[in-house]
Protein backbone atom coordinates (compact mmCIF):
# COMPACT_ATOMS: atom_id res chain seq x y z
CA MET A 1 -3.14 118.53 -10.11
CA SER A 2 -4.11 116.52 -6.83
CA THR A 3 -3.04 117.84 -3.47
CA LEU A 4 -0.35 115.31 -3.18
CA GLN A 5 1.27 116.51 -6.50
CA ARG A 6 0.89 120.16 -5.31
CA TYR A 7 2.54 119.34 -2.03
CA PHE A 8 5.38 117.77 -3.88
CA PHE A 9 5.61 120.74 -6.38
CA VAL A 10 5.56 123.65 -3.94
CA SER A 11 8.03 121.85 -1.50
CA ILE A 12 10.40 121.17 -4.21
CA LEU A 13 10.25 124.38 -5.96
CA GLN A 14 10.80 126.45 -3.14
CA ALA A 15 13.84 124.14 -1.81
CA VAL A 16 15.22 124.58 -5.34
CA ALA A 17 14.78 128.39 -5.66
CA PHE A 18 16.68 128.67 -2.35
CA ALA A 19 19.60 126.46 -3.44
CA LEU A 20 19.71 128.22 -6.78
CA ALA A 21 19.80 131.79 -4.82
CA ALA A 22 22.83 130.53 -2.91
CA LEU A 23 24.48 129.16 -5.75
CA LEU A 24 24.23 132.08 -8.00
CA GLY A 25 25.36 134.52 -4.87
CA LEU A 26 28.30 132.40 -4.73
CA GLN A 27 28.97 132.51 -8.56
CA ALA A 28 28.44 136.54 -8.41
CA PHE A 29 31.07 136.67 -5.47
CA PHE A 30 33.89 134.62 -7.69
CA ASP A 31 32.88 137.11 -10.69
CA LEU A 32 33.07 140.00 -8.69
CA THR A 33 36.45 138.97 -6.89
CA GLY A 34 37.93 138.24 -10.42
CA GLU A 35 36.90 141.54 -11.54
CA LEU A 36 38.97 143.33 -8.82
CA PRO A 37 42.26 143.18 -9.81
CA VAL A 38 41.50 145.32 -13.23
CA VAL A 39 39.17 147.82 -10.98
CA GLY A 40 40.69 151.24 -11.26
CA LYS A 41 42.47 150.91 -14.41
CA ASN A 42 41.96 152.50 -17.50
CA GLY A 43 38.72 154.21 -16.21
CA TYR A 44 37.47 150.68 -15.12
CA GLY A 45 35.24 151.37 -11.90
CA MET A 46 33.69 149.54 -9.43
CA GLN A 47 30.22 150.42 -11.24
CA HIS A 48 31.43 148.37 -14.17
CA ALA A 49 32.32 145.48 -12.17
CA ALA A 50 28.95 145.07 -10.47
CA LEU A 51 27.22 145.50 -13.87
CA PHE A 52 29.19 143.18 -15.37
CA THR A 53 28.63 140.61 -12.57
CA LEU A 54 24.82 141.20 -12.75
CA THR A 55 24.72 140.63 -16.45
CA MET A 56 26.63 137.46 -15.87
CA LEU A 57 24.25 136.04 -13.45
CA PRO A 58 21.68 134.78 -15.89
CA GLN A 59 24.47 132.69 -17.86
CA HIS A 60 25.39 131.06 -14.69
CA VAL A 61 21.57 129.70 -14.15
CA ASN A 62 22.10 126.81 -16.55
CA GLU A 63 25.32 125.71 -15.12
CA VAL A 64 23.91 125.53 -11.48
CA LEU A 65 20.39 124.90 -11.96
CA PRO A 66 21.09 120.86 -11.98
CA VAL A 67 23.04 120.88 -8.91
CA ALA A 68 20.61 123.22 -7.34
CA ALA A 69 17.86 120.71 -8.48
CA LEU A 70 19.46 118.01 -6.69
CA ILE A 71 20.10 119.87 -3.49
CA GLY A 72 16.67 121.11 -3.34
CA THR A 73 14.94 117.86 -4.17
CA ILE A 74 17.31 115.92 -1.48
CA TYR A 75 16.55 118.76 1.10
CA THR A 76 12.87 118.35 0.42
CA MET A 77 13.00 114.44 0.50
CA ALA A 78 15.04 114.39 3.62
CA GLN A 79 12.66 116.60 5.30
CA PHE A 80 9.60 114.25 4.21
CA ALA A 81 11.81 111.16 5.74
CA SER A 82 12.36 113.17 8.95
CA THR A 83 8.85 114.19 9.84
CA SER A 84 7.73 110.37 8.56
CA GLU A 85 5.39 112.18 5.91
CA PHE A 86 7.03 109.86 3.11
CA THR A 87 6.21 106.71 5.14
CA ILE A 88 2.54 107.92 5.42
CA MET A 89 2.44 108.66 1.79
CA ARG A 90 3.83 105.14 1.29
CA ALA A 91 1.15 103.58 3.54
CA SER A 92 -1.37 105.36 1.57
CA SER A 93 -0.51 103.48 -1.57
CA MET A 94 2.04 106.01 -2.82
CA SER A 95 4.52 103.69 -4.80
CA THR A 96 8.05 104.40 -5.93
CA ARG A 97 7.12 104.59 -9.37
CA MET A 98 4.16 107.54 -8.56
CA ALA A 99 6.87 109.37 -6.78
CA ALA A 100 9.52 109.61 -9.40
CA VAL A 101 6.46 110.79 -11.77
CA MET A 102 5.45 113.55 -9.42
CA VAL A 103 9.20 114.47 -9.08
CA GLY A 104 9.54 114.53 -12.76
CA LYS A 105 6.72 116.78 -13.38
CA VAL A 106 8.33 119.34 -10.87
CA GLY A 107 11.61 118.46 -13.37
CA LEU A 108 9.60 119.50 -16.45
CA VAL A 109 9.14 122.79 -14.94
CA LEU A 110 12.80 123.23 -14.39
CA VAL A 111 13.58 122.25 -17.85
CA LEU A 112 11.23 124.75 -19.21
CA ILE A 113 13.37 127.38 -17.04
CA ALA A 114 16.86 125.96 -18.26
CA PHE A 115 15.26 126.19 -21.92
CA ILE A 116 14.21 130.04 -21.35
CA PHE A 117 17.80 130.72 -20.05
CA GLY A 118 19.89 128.71 -22.48
CA GLU A 119 18.43 129.42 -25.41
CA LEU A 120 16.34 132.86 -25.09
CA ILE A 121 18.17 134.99 -22.15
CA THR A 122 21.77 133.94 -22.24
CA PRO A 123 22.76 134.04 -25.67
CA ARG A 124 21.48 137.84 -25.81
CA LEU A 125 23.10 138.69 -22.65
CA ALA A 126 26.62 137.00 -23.64
CA PRO A 127 27.47 139.50 -25.85
CA VAL A 128 26.19 142.44 -23.40
CA ALA A 129 28.21 141.46 -20.55
CA GLU A 130 31.30 141.47 -22.46
CA LYS A 131 30.61 144.84 -24.08
CA VAL A 132 30.22 146.15 -20.39
CA ARG A 133 33.49 144.79 -19.68
CA LEU A 134 35.18 146.15 -22.60
CA MET A 135 33.70 149.52 -22.80
CA GLY A 136 34.35 149.96 -19.12
CA ARG A 137 38.13 149.23 -19.83
CA GLY A 138 38.01 151.36 -23.11
CA ALA A 139 38.45 148.53 -25.44
CA THR A 140 36.59 147.32 -28.17
CA VAL A 141 36.47 143.52 -28.68
CA SER A 142 38.55 140.76 -27.01
CA SER A 143 40.68 138.54 -29.10
CA GLU A 144 42.93 135.54 -28.38
CA PHE A 145 45.54 136.88 -30.65
CA ARG A 146 47.37 140.62 -30.76
CA SER A 147 46.92 140.60 -34.65
CA GLY A 148 42.95 140.47 -34.04
CA MET A 149 40.22 138.36 -34.84
CA TRP A 150 40.54 135.59 -37.57
CA THR A 151 38.35 133.48 -39.35
CA LYS A 152 37.97 131.40 -42.49
CA ASP A 153 35.86 131.95 -45.56
CA ILE A 154 35.17 129.82 -48.91
CA ILE A 155 35.63 132.10 -52.31
CA LYS A 156 33.10 131.10 -55.01
CA SER A 157 32.75 131.86 -58.28
CA GLU A 158 29.09 133.33 -58.17
CA GLY A 159 28.63 135.09 -55.36
CA MET A 160 27.22 132.23 -52.55
CA THR A 161 25.85 129.52 -55.06
CA GLY A 162 28.93 129.02 -57.53
CA GLU A 163 31.70 126.86 -57.81
CA VAL A 164 34.35 126.90 -55.02
CA GLN A 165 37.55 128.69 -56.29
CA GLY A 166 39.48 128.98 -53.26
CA THR A 167 39.85 130.14 -49.63
CA ARG A 168 39.86 133.44 -47.69
CA PHE A 169 41.22 134.29 -44.58
CA PHE A 170 39.39 137.21 -42.83
CA ASN A 171 41.38 139.29 -40.31
CA VAL A 172 39.74 141.99 -38.52
CA ARG A 173 41.58 144.22 -35.80
CA GLU A 174 38.72 145.75 -34.04
CA VAL A 175 35.08 145.21 -34.12
CA ARG A 176 32.89 148.42 -32.68
CA SER A 177 29.94 147.99 -30.57
CA ASP A 178 27.70 149.25 -33.73
CA GLY A 179 29.02 146.25 -35.62
CA GLN A 180 31.50 148.01 -37.88
CA LEU A 181 34.94 146.40 -38.68
CA VAL A 182 38.15 148.40 -38.57
CA ASP A 183 41.42 147.61 -40.22
CA VAL A 184 40.26 144.61 -42.56
CA LYS A 185 42.74 142.33 -44.13
CA LEU A 186 41.61 139.78 -46.66
CA TYR A 187 43.99 136.98 -47.76
CA ASP A 188 42.54 135.43 -51.04
CA PHE A 189 44.09 132.05 -52.32
CA ASP A 190 43.37 129.83 -55.13
CA ASN A 191 42.65 125.84 -54.89
CA ARG A 192 46.26 125.33 -54.96
CA PHE A 193 46.89 127.64 -51.98
CA ARG A 194 48.90 130.33 -53.99
CA LEU A 195 47.98 134.15 -52.75
CA ARG A 196 45.99 135.48 -55.33
CA THR A 197 45.13 138.87 -53.57
CA LEU A 198 45.74 140.75 -50.51
CA THR A 199 43.07 143.51 -49.67
CA TYR A 200 43.25 145.95 -47.12
CA ALA A 201 40.24 148.11 -46.03
CA LYS A 202 40.29 150.71 -43.42
CA THR A 203 36.48 149.81 -42.20
CA ALA A 204 33.47 147.59 -43.38
CA SER A 205 29.90 147.55 -42.32
CA PHE A 206 27.41 144.97 -43.19
CA LYS A 207 24.96 145.55 -45.85
CA GLY A 208 22.97 142.36 -45.49
CA SER A 209 22.24 139.41 -47.75
CA ASN A 210 25.82 138.27 -47.27
CA THR A 211 27.31 141.62 -48.53
CA TRP A 212 29.97 143.87 -46.79
CA LEU A 213 30.84 147.48 -47.91
CA LEU A 214 34.43 148.12 -47.53
CA ASN A 215 35.68 151.37 -47.44
CA GLU A 216 39.17 152.91 -48.32
CA VAL A 217 40.20 149.72 -49.92
CA THR A 218 43.88 148.86 -51.23
CA GLU A 219 43.84 145.85 -53.46
CA ASN A 220 47.05 143.97 -54.32
CA ILE A 221 46.59 141.48 -57.08
CA PHE A 222 49.28 138.89 -57.67
CA SER A 223 49.16 137.81 -61.38
CA ASN A 224 51.77 135.15 -60.82
CA PRO A 225 51.59 134.00 -57.53
CA ALA A 226 54.29 131.73 -57.73
CA LEU A 227 56.89 134.16 -58.97
CA ALA A 228 55.65 136.56 -56.42
CA ALA A 229 56.09 134.03 -53.59
CA GLU A 230 59.83 133.65 -54.87
CA GLY A 231 60.83 136.96 -55.29
CA ALA A 232 59.15 137.84 -51.85
CA GLN A 233 61.26 135.30 -49.94
CA ALA A 234 64.56 135.90 -51.80
CA ASN A 235 67.36 138.34 -51.05
CA LEU A 236 68.32 138.89 -54.77
CA ALA A 237 67.42 142.21 -56.31
CA ASN A 238 66.56 140.54 -59.74
CA ASN A 239 64.07 138.44 -58.14
CA TYR A 240 62.54 141.01 -56.26
CA ALA A 241 62.05 143.21 -59.30
CA GLN A 242 60.51 140.32 -61.08
CA ALA A 243 58.33 139.68 -58.26
CA SER A 244 57.21 143.56 -58.09
CA SER A 245 56.33 143.44 -61.54
CA ALA A 246 53.81 140.49 -60.88
CA VAL A 247 51.64 142.78 -58.40
CA GLU A 248 49.03 145.03 -59.59
CA ILE A 249 47.79 147.57 -56.96
CA LYS A 250 44.11 148.98 -56.97
CA ARG A 251 42.60 151.64 -54.68
CA HIS A 252 38.86 152.09 -54.41
CA ALA A 253 37.03 154.44 -52.29
CA SER A 254 34.55 151.75 -51.46
CA LYS A 255 34.16 148.09 -52.53
CA GLU A 256 31.29 145.50 -52.19
CA LEU A 257 32.24 142.01 -50.84
CA ILE A 258 30.30 139.04 -50.80
CA SER A 259 31.23 136.47 -48.15
CA GLU A 260 29.60 133.60 -45.90
CA ILE A 261 31.21 135.46 -43.02
CA THR A 262 28.35 137.84 -41.34
CA PRO A 263 28.26 139.75 -38.00
CA LYS A 264 26.53 136.83 -36.32
CA ILE A 265 29.27 134.54 -37.58
CA LEU A 266 32.01 137.17 -36.21
CA SER A 267 30.24 137.39 -32.82
CA VAL A 268 30.02 133.63 -32.27
CA SER A 269 33.58 133.23 -33.49
CA ALA A 270 34.36 135.39 -30.21
CA SER A 271 31.85 133.75 -27.99
CA ASP A 272 32.09 130.92 -25.30
CA PRO A 273 30.47 127.85 -27.02
CA GLU A 274 28.94 127.16 -23.55
CA HIS A 275 27.07 130.32 -23.87
CA MET A 276 25.63 130.04 -27.11
CA SER A 277 22.16 128.83 -28.05
CA VAL A 278 21.48 125.76 -30.08
CA ASN A 279 20.77 127.22 -33.33
CA GLU A 280 23.96 129.16 -33.22
CA LEU A 281 25.91 126.08 -32.30
CA ALA A 282 24.23 124.48 -35.53
CA VAL A 283 25.10 127.42 -37.96
CA TYR A 284 28.86 128.00 -36.56
CA THR A 285 29.70 124.41 -36.60
CA ARG A 286 28.11 124.02 -40.22
CA HIS A 287 30.23 127.00 -41.35
CA LEU A 288 33.34 125.31 -39.78
CA GLN A 289 32.78 122.24 -41.60
CA GLU A 290 32.42 123.82 -44.89
CA ASN A 291 35.79 125.69 -44.21
CA LYS A 292 37.72 122.42 -43.16
CA GLN A 293 38.35 123.66 -39.76
CA GLY A 294 37.88 121.66 -36.28
CA THR A 295 34.41 121.40 -35.02
CA GLU A 296 34.67 119.05 -32.06
CA ARG A 297 34.68 121.50 -29.14
CA PHE A 298 31.34 122.96 -31.04
CA LYS A 299 29.77 119.80 -31.61
CA ILE A 300 30.36 118.74 -27.94
CA ALA A 301 28.63 121.94 -26.68
CA PHE A 302 25.78 121.39 -29.10
CA TRP A 303 25.04 118.12 -27.78
CA LYS A 304 25.51 119.00 -24.11
CA LYS A 305 23.05 121.67 -24.55
CA LEU A 306 20.70 118.92 -25.86
CA PHE A 307 21.27 116.39 -23.20
CA ASP A 308 21.25 119.28 -20.20
CA PRO A 309 17.30 118.69 -19.37
CA LEU A 310 18.25 114.86 -19.09
CA ALA A 311 20.89 115.90 -16.36
CA ILE A 312 18.24 117.79 -14.32
CA PHE A 313 15.95 114.83 -14.36
CA VAL A 314 19.07 112.43 -13.74
CA LEU A 315 20.10 114.53 -10.64
CA MET A 316 16.60 114.66 -9.32
CA ALA A 317 16.09 110.96 -9.57
CA LEU A 318 19.26 110.37 -7.56
CA ALA A 319 17.68 112.65 -4.78
CA LEU A 320 14.65 110.23 -4.52
CA PRO A 321 16.17 107.58 -2.61
CA PHE A 322 16.90 110.04 0.35
CA ALA A 323 13.08 109.95 0.97
CA TYR A 324 13.60 106.09 1.87
CA LEU A 325 16.50 106.76 4.14
CA HIS A 326 14.91 107.40 7.81
CA THR A 327 16.69 110.12 10.25
CA ARG A 328 18.80 107.37 12.01
CA ALA A 329 20.50 106.95 8.91
CA GLY A 330 21.85 110.53 9.09
CA GLY A 331 20.22 113.99 9.66
CA VAL A 332 19.14 116.44 7.24
CA SER A 333 22.38 118.69 6.87
CA LEU A 334 24.40 115.27 6.49
CA LYS A 335 22.31 114.35 3.38
CA ILE A 336 22.35 118.06 1.80
CA PHE A 337 26.03 117.66 2.08
CA ILE A 338 26.13 114.47 0.49
CA GLY A 339 23.65 116.12 -2.23
CA ILE A 340 26.36 118.72 -3.03
CA MET A 341 29.20 116.42 -3.17
CA ILE A 342 27.35 114.27 -5.79
CA GLY A 343 26.52 117.74 -7.68
CA VAL A 344 30.16 118.64 -7.71
CA SER A 345 31.10 115.08 -8.68
CA PHE A 346 28.40 115.42 -11.47
CA LEU A 347 30.25 118.94 -12.70
CA LEU A 348 33.62 117.42 -12.66
CA VAL A 349 32.53 114.04 -14.69
CA ASN A 350 30.82 116.36 -17.11
CA THR A 351 34.00 118.51 -17.56
CA LEU A 352 36.02 115.28 -17.76
CA PHE A 353 34.20 113.76 -20.68
CA SER A 354 34.21 117.37 -22.57
CA HIS A 355 38.01 117.14 -22.53
CA ILE A 356 38.32 113.43 -23.17
CA GLY A 357 35.96 114.02 -26.15
CA LEU A 358 38.31 116.75 -27.42
CA LEU A 359 41.35 114.40 -27.10
CA SER A 360 39.72 111.19 -28.27
CA ALA A 361 37.88 109.88 -31.27
CA LEU A 362 34.86 109.45 -28.92
CA PRO A 363 31.60 110.90 -30.81
CA ALA A 364 30.34 114.23 -29.43
CA PHE A 365 27.09 113.14 -28.67
CA LEU A 366 28.62 110.15 -26.57
CA THR A 367 30.79 112.53 -24.94
CA ALA A 368 27.87 114.65 -23.94
CA LEU A 369 25.49 111.73 -23.03
CA MET A 370 27.58 109.40 -20.84
CA PRO A 371 27.99 111.68 -17.57
CA SER A 372 24.29 111.51 -17.21
CA LEU A 373 23.93 107.88 -18.12
CA LEU A 374 26.52 106.76 -15.61
CA TYR A 375 24.34 108.87 -12.96
CA LEU A 376 20.95 107.65 -14.06
CA LEU A 377 22.55 103.92 -13.59
CA LEU A 378 23.66 105.38 -10.12
CA ALA A 379 20.04 106.77 -9.36
CA LEU A 380 18.30 103.38 -10.58
CA GLY A 381 20.68 101.19 -8.34
CA ALA A 382 19.98 103.22 -5.65
CA LEU A 383 16.28 103.12 -6.20
CA TYR A 384 16.60 99.40 -6.38
CA TRP A 385 18.84 99.23 -2.91
CA VAL A 386 16.34 101.38 -0.99
CA GLU A 387 13.54 99.81 -1.90
CA ARG A 388 14.84 96.12 -1.09
CA HIS A 389 16.19 97.35 2.17
């Protein structure tokens, strides 16, 4: 590593680290104030809120790292310009391309940090943060529905490899911290969407190899689903009697269930796509596609994860033109303020395109790529302008 490259490397990383610490502190403040309304309720104390805030910090690194890279690089470039160091570097035969390469090498380190947090740390800490919050409140698992967590499965004739025979809706009221399911309901439909079996289980535990062990099972088998549905909906007593005769009830102390639903899929279905790894997003998206469910939100999150490194490079490229602006074009504080506004605008545009992708037929990869492409064009245009002036 050359002396100049080392100087760029140390200066930019120090500034990025400072900006990252400031942004994470701001995020921690928002998280903590968001928890304050529930502190003191159901045994949820200040220590739980503080622990939840700490476990959420690594999840925010990926969110604010591109903006921290932009602010830190702008600060470094503005300092170089204010002390005329950049002018001396250019006079010593450093071209714009060489400067971009040196900044890009620093960006590689930041991309590696983003990968470690996004793929290794955040997916493991996200469930921990949720457990801390729920255990502090005396709860088990959060859900968007009062009836519990819902997911969809495919019924096959021979375990996991046979012919598709129908659809199963999987309903779980609680998921305990040890992975055990409580109050499980299974609604099995045939290919014509007629209810064939309604199964209740007090608890369920995963044995591995796509196999669940159901305990205290009550199985309602409908031998004539059409008649059963007609009788259940009608008010006439004779129709109800005919429907009742079409139902066979079986009880089991325990029963095995082969299903594509695994604890990993259940945990992923309750997670925010932004806090999932690329592998988890790919697995869950494939599961949703096989079950003919909406996948656009998870596809967009998947492609955004892949294009996040590009965002770091693009925003650092946007900072490079500030080295060409001398002190008379504005002080360091003004340039940092402009950098913050650019970073905020990038986050807003990124969020806007995510919503546009959900509402329109725009391909998921294009939805994730467009904000970076737009700002890359802006960076190239700014570099061209400062070089010509």
